């Protein structure tokens, strides 16, 4: 059985049931929780980590590489001023995809 879901619904009341029925009719895999308890949250985190680990094994990557995490922090620190500056930043040192996403974010935020 594959452990991936298209939608997670928290709450088993009328709204939760309606959302589950809609998602199932749209051929989505649904995980429904009656409430978000510490146990349920831990289960969701474990499920996510399992999926990430499995993808890393298939792709031959270490999914939980600390150096990669630290590099991501450095890259985020370089990108943050481009997202929050009042004036239009110079995005030439970013790859085209990141620059386009930064401009899109700024336009959505009215900057």
C-alpha atoms as a PDB file:
ATOM      1  CA  UNK A   1       0.000   0.000   0.000  1.00  0.00           C
ATOM      2  CA  UNK A   2       1.384   3.385  -0.979  1.00  0.00           C
ATOM      3  CA  UNK A   3       1.597   5.885   1.888  1.00  0.00           C
ATOM      4  CA  UNK A   4       0.873   9.123   0.084  1.00  0.00           C
ATOM      5  CA  UNK A   5      -2.270  11.196   0.138  1.00  0.00           C
ATOM      6  CA  UNK A   6      -3.588  14.028  -1.972  1.00  0.00           C
ATOM      7  CA  UNK A   7      -5.412  15.706   0.884  1.00  0.00           C
ATOM      8  CA  UNK A   8      -5.433  15.554   4.684  1.00  0.00           C
ATOM      9  CA  UNK A   9      -8.677  16.507   6.404  1.00  0.00           C
ATOM     10  CA  UNK A  10      -8.697  17.324  10.102  1.00  0.00           C
ATOM     11  CA  UNK A  11     -12.123  17.165  11.691  1.00  0.00           C
ATOM     12  CA  UNK A  12     -14.903  14.635  11.295  1.00  0.00           C
ATOM     13  CA  UNK A  13     -17.804  17.069  11.498  1.00  0.00           C
ATOM     14  CA  UNK A  14     -20.144  17.945   8.636  1.00  0.00           C
ATOM     15  CA  UNK A  15     -17.592  20.198   6.917  1.00  0.00           C
ATOM     16  CA  UNK A  16     -14.863  17.552   7.181  1.00  0.00           C
ATOM     17  CA  UNK A  17     -17.157  14.871   5.824  1.00  0.00           C
ATOM     18  CA  UNK A  18     -18.254  17.093   2.941  1.00  0.00           C
ATOM     19  CA  UNK A  19     -14.625  17.839   2.073  1.00  0.00           C
ATOM     20  CA  UNK A  20     -13.778  14.124   2.206  1.00  0.00           C
ATOM     21  CA  UNK A  21     -16.677  13.191  -0.051  1.00  0.00           C
ATOM     22  CA  UNK A  22     -15.728  15.906  -2.568  1.00  0.00           C
ATOM     23  CA  UNK A  23     -12.092  14.794  -2.584  1.00  0.00           C
ATOM     24  CA  UNK A  24     -12.995  11.123  -3.005  1.00  0.00           C
ATOM     25  CA  UNK A  25     -15.322  11.941  -5.905  1.00  0.00           C
ATOM     26  CA  UNK A  26     -12.383  13.777  -7.494  1.00  0.00           C
ATOM     27  CA  UNK A  27     -10.341  10.543  -7.268  1.00  0.00           C
ATOM     28  CA  UNK A  28      -8.062  11.905  -4.554  1.00  0.00           C
ATOM     29  CA  UNK A  29      -6.525   9.816  -1.799  1.00  0.00           C
ATOM     30  CA  UNK A  30      -7.833  11.142   1.505  1.00  0.00           C
ATOM     31  CA  UNK A  31      -6.374  10.876   4.990  1.00  0.00           C
ATOM     32  CA  UNK A  32      -8.998  11.914   7.529  1.00  0.00           C
ATOM     33  CA  UNK A  33      -8.238  12.674  11.166  1.00  0.00           C
ATOM     34  CA  UNK A  34     -11.005  13.189  13.697  1.00  0.00           C
ATOM     35  CA  UNK A  35      -8.842  15.755  15.529  1.00  0.00           C
ATOM     36  CA  UNK A  36      -5.274  17.017  15.503  1.00  0.00           C
ATOM     37  CA  UNK A  37      -3.776  15.424  18.601  1.00  0.00           C
ATOM     38  CA  UNK A  38      -0.049  15.166  19.399  1.00  0.00           C
ATOM     39  CA  UNK A  39      -0.193  11.523  18.306  1.00  0.00           C
ATOM     40  CA  UNK A  40      -1.870  12.385  14.983  1.00  0.00           C
ATOM     41  CA  UNK A  41       0.600  15.209  14.314  1.00  0.00           C
ATOM     42  CA  UNK A  42       3.525  12.892  15.072  1.00  0.00           C
ATOM     43  CA  UNK A  43       2.060  10.318  12.696  1.00  0.00           C
ATOM     44  CA  UNK A  44       1.804  12.918   9.920  1.00  0.00           C
ATOM     45  CA  UNK A  45       5.417  14.018  10.467  1.00  0.00           C
ATOM     46  CA  UNK A  46       6.601  10.390  10.430  1.00  0.00           C
ATOM     47  CA  UNK A  47       4.642   9.735   7.223  1.00  0.00           C
ATOM     48  CA  UNK A  48       6.178  12.806   5.562  1.00  0.00           C
ATOM     49  CA  UNK A  49       9.701  11.864   6.659  1.00  0.00           C
ATOM     50  CA  UNK A  50       9.167   8.338   5.328  1.00  0.00           C
ATOM     51  CA  UNK A  51       8.131   9.697   1.916  1.00  0.00           C
ATOM     52  CA  UNK A  52      11.136  12.058   1.830  1.00  0.00           C
ATOM     53  CA  UNK A  53      13.506   9.249   2.813  1.00  0.00           C
ATOM     54  CA  UNK A  54      12.077   6.899   0.176  1.00  0.00           C
ATOM     55  CA  UNK A  55      12.467   9.546  -2.536  1.00  0.00           C
ATOM     56  CA  UNK A  56      16.059  10.141  -1.471  1.00  0.00           C
ATOM     57  CA  UNK A  57      16.856   6.430  -1.631  1.00  0.00           C
ATOM     58  CA  UNK A  58      15.359   6.157  -5.128  1.00  0.00           C
ATOM     59  CA  UNK A  59      17.265   9.236  -6.331  1.00  0.00           C
ATOM     60  CA  UNK A  60      20.490   8.282  -4.533  1.00  0.00           C
ATOM     61  CA  UNK A  61      20.441  11.343  -2.237  1.00  0.00           C
ATOM     62  CA  UNK A  62      20.822  11.799   1.500  1.00  0.00           C
ATOM     63  CA  UNK A  63      17.466  13.412   2.259  1.00  0.00           C
ATOM     64  CA  UNK A  64      18.531  14.598   5.694  1.00  0.00           C
ATOM     65  CA  UNK A  65      21.975  15.965   4.833  1.00  0.00           C
ATOM     66  CA  UNK A  66      22.844  18.648   7.404  1.00  0.00           C
ATOM     67  CA  UNK A  67      25.248  20.398   5.026  1.00  0.00           C
ATOM     68  CA  UNK A  68      22.392  20.789   2.577  1.00  0.00           C
ATOM     69  CA  UNK A  69      20.236  22.290   5.321  1.00  0.00           C
ATOM     70  CA  UNK A  70      22.980  24.770   6.191  1.00  0.00           C
ATOM     71  CA  UNK A  71      23.422  25.674   2.524  1.00  0.00           C
ATOM     72  CA  UNK A  72      19.678  26.287   2.286  1.00  0.00           C
ATOM     73  CA  UNK A  73      19.897  28.675   5.243  1.00  0.00           C
ATOM     74  CA  UNK A  74      22.713  30.612   3.556  1.00  0.00           C
ATOM     75  CA  UNK A  75      20.796  30.775   0.276  1.00  0.00           C
ATOM     76  CA  UNK A  76      17.632  31.904   2.064  1.00  0.00           C
ATOM     77  CA  UNK A  77      19.638  34.619   3.826  1.00  0.00           C
ATOM     78  CA  UNK A  78      20.832  35.874   0.435  1.00  0.00           C
ATOM     79  CA  UNK A  79      17.314  35.816  -1.013  1.00  0.00           C
ATOM     80  CA  UNK A  80      15.483  37.468   1.888  1.00  0.00           C
ATOM     81  CA  UNK A  81      16.661  41.038   1.153  1.00  0.00           C
ATOM     82  CA  UNK A  82      15.502  40.649  -2.460  1.00  0.00           C
ATOM     83  CA  UNK A  83      12.037  39.716  -1.206  1.00  0.00           C
ATOM     84  CA  UNK A  84      11.672  42.392   1.466  1.00  0.00           C
ATOM     85  CA  UNK A  85      13.485  45.452   0.012  1.00  0.00           C
ATOM     86  CA  UNK A  86      11.366  48.495  -0.811  1.00  0.00           C
ATOM     87  CA  UNK A  87      13.280  49.199  -4.032  1.00  0.00           C
ATOM     88  CA  UNK A  88      13.668  46.766  -6.931  1.00  0.00           C
ATOM     89  CA  UNK A  89      16.634  44.514  -6.112  1.00  0.00           C
ATOM     90  CA  UNK A  90      19.389  43.342  -8.435  1.00  0.00           C
ATOM     91  CA  UNK A  91      18.585  39.681  -9.092  1.00  0.00           C
ATOM     92  CA  UNK A  92      21.399  39.047 -11.580  1.00  0.00           C
ATOM     93  CA  UNK A  93      23.309  36.778  -9.170  1.00  0.00           C
ATOM     94  CA  UNK A  94      20.316  34.400  -8.844  1.00  0.00           C
ATOM     95  CA  UNK A  95      19.417  31.739 -11.378  1.00  0.00           C
ATOM     96  CA  UNK A  96      16.531  32.712 -13.723  1.00  0.00           C
ATOM     97  CA  UNK A  97      13.985  30.530 -11.940  1.00  0.00           C
ATOM     98  CA  UNK A  98      14.722  32.013  -8.512  1.00  0.00           C
ATOM     99  CA  UNK A  99      14.748  35.551  -9.917  1.00  0.00           C
ATOM    100  CA  UNK A 100      11.365  34.995 -11.597  1.00  0.00           C
ATOM    101  CA  UNK A 101       9.880  33.592  -8.384  1.00  0.00           C
ATOM    102  CA  UNK A 102      11.254  36.525  -6.374  1.00  0.00           C
ATOM    103  CA  UNK A 103       9.699  39.013  -8.796  1.00  0.00           C
ATOM    104  CA  UNK A 104       6.403  37.121  -8.720  1.00  0.00           C
ATOM    105  CA  UNK A 105       6.408  37.129  -4.906  1.00  0.00           C
ATOM    106  CA  UNK A 106       7.152  40.858  -4.845  1.00  0.00           C
ATOM    107  CA  UNK A 107       4.329  41.590  -7.301  1.00  0.00           C
ATOM    108  CA  UNK A 108       1.858  39.568  -5.208  1.00  0.00           C
ATOM    109  CA  UNK A 109       2.958  41.485  -2.108  1.00  0.00           C
ATOM    110  CA  UNK A 110       2.666  44.839  -3.856  1.00  0.00           C
ATOM    111  CA  UNK A 111       6.397  45.642  -3.801  1.00  0.00           C
END
